Every structure is written in C-alpha cells, then in structure tokens.
Protein backbone atom coordinates (compact mmCIF):
# COMPACT_ATOMS: atom_id res chain seq x y z
CA MET A 1 0.00 0.00 0.00
CA HIS A 2 1.22 3.48 -0.84
CA PRO A 3 1.93 5.30 2.46
CA LEU A 4 -0.52 8.08 1.60
CA ASN A 5 -3.31 5.54 1.10
CA HIS A 6 -3.11 4.58 4.77
CA PRO A 7 -6.53 5.10 6.42
CA LEU A 8 -5.08 7.62 8.90
CA PHE A 9 -3.61 9.80 6.16
CA LEU A 10 -6.80 9.61 4.13
CA GLN A 11 -8.65 10.72 7.25
CA TYR A 12 -6.13 13.57 7.66
CA ILE A 13 -7.07 14.88 4.22
CA ILE A 14 -10.80 14.57 4.90
CA HIS A 15 -10.41 16.44 8.19
CA PHE A 16 -8.36 19.12 6.42
CA ASN A 17 -10.34 19.69 3.22
CA ASP A 18 -13.88 18.72 4.20
CA GLU A 19 -14.23 19.47 7.89
CA ARG A 20 -11.52 22.10 8.43
CA ASP A 21 -10.77 20.22 11.66
CA TYR A 22 -7.04 20.85 11.90
CA PHE A 23 -6.85 19.56 15.46
CA GLU A 24 -8.03 16.13 14.26
CA CYS A 25 -5.54 16.33 11.38
CA HIS A 26 -2.84 16.66 14.01
CA GLU A 27 -4.25 13.77 16.03
CA VAL A 28 -4.50 11.27 13.15
CA GLY A 29 -1.25 12.49 11.62
CA GLU A 30 0.59 12.00 14.89
CA GLU A 31 -0.94 8.56 15.38
CA TYR A 32 0.27 7.53 11.92
CA TRP A 33 3.71 9.07 12.50
CA LYS A 34 4.10 7.17 15.77
CA GLN A 35 3.36 3.93 13.91
CA ILE A 36 5.92 4.44 11.14
CA ALA A 37 8.63 6.87 12.29
CA PRO A 38 8.38 7.55 16.01
CA LYS A 39 10.74 10.26 17.21
CA ASP A 40 11.93 11.06 13.64
CA LYS A 41 11.11 14.76 13.66
CA ALA A 42 12.56 15.19 10.18
CA HIS A 43 10.12 12.68 8.63
CA PRO A 44 7.94 14.26 5.91
CA LEU A 45 4.80 13.22 7.78
CA THR A 46 5.77 15.74 10.47
CA GLY A 47 5.48 18.43 7.77
CA TRP A 48 1.84 17.48 7.24
CA ILE A 49 1.27 17.56 10.99
CA GLN A 50 2.95 20.98 11.28
CA LEU A 51 0.82 22.31 8.41
CA ALA A 52 -2.34 21.32 10.30
CA VAL A 53 -1.01 22.78 13.55
CA GLY A 54 -0.20 26.01 11.75
CA MET A 55 -3.73 26.24 10.38
CA TYR A 56 -5.18 25.50 13.82
CA HIS A 57 -3.11 28.26 15.43
CA TRP A 58 -3.91 30.71 12.64
CA ARG A 59 -7.64 30.09 13.08
CA ARG A 60 -7.18 30.94 16.79
CA SER A 61 -5.19 34.10 15.92
CA ASN A 62 -2.08 32.63 17.52
CA TYR A 63 0.12 34.19 14.85
CA PRO A 64 3.52 33.31 16.40
CA GLY A 65 2.52 29.65 16.82
CA ALA A 66 1.06 29.50 13.33
CA LEU A 67 4.11 31.08 11.73
CA ARG A 68 6.52 28.76 13.56
CA SER A 69 4.57 25.66 12.50
CA LEU A 70 4.08 26.71 8.88
CA ILE A 71 7.73 27.65 8.45
CA ARG A 72 8.79 24.27 9.85
CA ALA A 73 6.37 22.46 7.53
CA LYS A 74 7.52 24.16 4.34
CA PRO A 75 10.89 22.44 3.72
CA LYS A 76 9.57 19.05 4.82
CA LEU A 77 6.70 19.21 2.35
CA ALA A 78 8.90 20.61 -0.42
CA GLU A 79 11.19 17.59 -0.12
CA ALA A 80 8.54 15.02 0.78
CA GLY A 81 9.09 12.69 -2.19
CA VAL A 82 6.67 9.78 -1.93
CA TRP A 83 4.91 11.64 0.91
CA SER A 84 3.62 14.27 -1.51
CA GLU A 85 2.63 12.11 -4.45
CA GLY A 86 -0.93 12.79 -5.53
CA PHE A 87 -0.65 16.49 -4.66
CA ASP A 88 -0.01 19.40 -6.98
CA HIS A 89 3.44 20.41 -5.72
CA GLU A 90 3.28 23.91 -7.17
CA GLN A 91 -0.10 24.57 -5.56
CA LEU A 92 1.05 23.05 -2.26
CA ALA A 93 4.05 25.42 -2.21
CA LEU A 94 1.71 28.30 -3.01
CA LEU A 95 -0.64 27.27 -0.18
CA LEU A 96 2.28 27.32 2.26
CA ASN A 97 3.70 30.60 0.96
CA GLU A 98 0.31 32.35 1.01
CA SER A 99 -0.42 31.00 4.49
CA ILE A 100 2.95 32.15 5.82
CA GLN A 101 2.40 35.57 4.27
CA GLY A 102 -1.15 35.77 5.62
CA VAL A 103 0.03 34.91 9.12
CA THR A 104 2.96 37.34 8.85
CA ASP A 105 0.55 40.10 7.81
CA ARG A 106 -1.86 39.02 10.58
CA GLU A 107 -4.68 38.52 8.12
CA PRO A 108 -7.82 36.80 9.38
CA PHE A 109 -7.80 33.04 8.96
CA GLU A 110 -9.11 31.68 5.72
CA PRO A 111 -9.25 27.92 5.12
CA ARG A 112 -7.43 26.45 2.17
CA ASP A 113 -7.73 23.06 0.48
CA LEU A 114 -4.89 20.64 0.03
CA PRO A 115 -4.34 20.56 -3.74
CA LEU A 116 -5.08 17.01 -4.81
CA LEU A 117 -4.38 15.78 -8.30
CA PRO A 118 -6.77 13.41 -10.05
CA GLY A 119 -5.59 9.85 -9.56
CA ASP A 120 -5.15 7.09 -7.03
CA LEU A 121 -4.97 9.29 -3.93
CA ALA A 122 -8.07 11.28 -4.87
CA GLN A 123 -9.93 8.02 -5.56
CA ALA A 124 -8.84 6.54 -2.22
CA ILE A 125 -10.06 9.66 -0.43
CA GLU A 126 -13.41 9.48 -2.18
CA ALA A 127 -13.79 5.82 -1.20
CA ARG A 128 -12.93 6.71 2.40
CA ARG A 129 -15.51 9.52 2.39
CA GLN A 130 -18.17 6.98 1.49
CA GLN A 131 -17.36 5.04 4.69
CA TYR A 132 -17.12 8.04 7.00
CA ILE A 133 -19.80 10.09 8.69
CA ALA A 134 -18.40 13.47 9.68
CA PRO A 135 -19.38 14.80 13.08
CA ALA A 136 -21.15 18.16 13.10
CA HIS A 137 -19.06 20.82 14.82
CA ASP A 138 -19.48 24.56 14.89
CA GLU A 139 -16.65 27.04 14.34
CA TYR A 140 -16.25 27.69 18.08
CA TYR A 141 -15.67 24.01 18.78
CA LEU A 142 -13.19 23.65 15.91
CA MET A 143 -11.36 26.76 17.09
CA HIS A 144 -11.01 25.72 20.74
CA LYS A 145 -11.07 21.94 20.47
CA HIS A 146 -7.90 21.37 22.47
CA ARG A 147 -9.51 23.08 25.46
CA LEU A 148 -12.99 21.58 25.10
CA ARG A 149 -12.08 17.89 24.85
CA ASP A 150 -11.96 15.53 27.79
CA ARG A 151 -8.38 15.76 29.06
CA THR A 152 -8.73 13.40 32.05
CA GLU A 153 -6.50 10.73 30.54
CA ILE A 154 -3.85 13.25 29.42
CA ILE A 155 -3.71 14.87 32.86
CA ALA A 156 -3.45 11.48 34.58
CA LEU A 157 -0.54 10.45 32.31
CA ARG A 158 1.28 13.74 33.00
CA GLN A 159 0.84 13.32 36.76
CA GLN A 160 2.06 9.75 36.56
CA LYS A 161 5.15 10.83 34.61
CA LYS A 162 5.78 13.65 37.08
CA ARG A 163 5.68 11.22 40.03
CA ARG A 164 8.18 8.92 38.31
CA ASN A 165 10.58 11.83 37.77
CA LEU A 166 10.51 12.93 41.42
C-alpha cells in the first residue's frame, strides 16, 4: 500500500479539506507518524502535521505559533518525495507561501484546500468519504477543540510521569 493511502492519512485529508478540523488532522497524523517513524522529527509526515497545527493556530489568531509551524512544515513538504505524491506540488508550495504571508501580515484566517491531483490518492479519499460520517461541529468548537475535549487521561498520564521523575 502506498503510504498516503493509509486510512489515517486519508482521514487527515478529509479532516483538512472537508471538515476544516485541523486539530483532528494533528491527532491522526501523529498517530500515523508514531506507527511508522516515532521520534523522527525530520520525517515528511511531520510536515503534514505541522501544516495542520499552523492552520489551527492561525484560526485561533495565535500568529507566532502559526508562523513557527508553517515555516517548519515548508521544507519538509517541499522535499517530501513519496509523501507528496498525488498532490499538486506547485499549488502546495503556493498554499504554504500564502499561508505564511497571511500569518505574517496578521490577516484573518481563511481555510485552504490541500491541492489534490486526479488519480489514485483522490480516488482513495473518495472511497474513504463513502465510509465516513463526519461529526457536526461549529466554528467555536473547531477553534477551541484542544480546550474543550476531555483531558482526564492526558492529565493522569502527566501526573504519573511527574511522580516517576521525582
């Protein structure tokens, strides 16, 4: 299977283009990254994750966080090789450049689509869409998702780690 046809990456694209749920892009992207290249922060998949994080921060008007993430994503996605097949490379570079400029100029957030080319990846995404029912979320929820989710498990893990380090 082509690495971009993995169900988690297909879900990443659906979250990005259809739902504009960049937080979920980060979540599924990170889950996939941990399966294939844990701790390899130079892996091209981290560029996709950083792109989503940049969009999430931009939506929240966290311009420094957005700029940092988008700048880090740019070289990884420019040199992504197999990890960018099925995308229009010129349009992807333009998306990153326009997003970086928009954040730099502190423009209001405006969603952008990942530029898919017709072909295998686009077909795999369409097939995945047929199997997926998107949850309904309003803009407020999408904007503040990291604060609104149940963090009980995350907090418990942090406390456990803290106790071990004492």
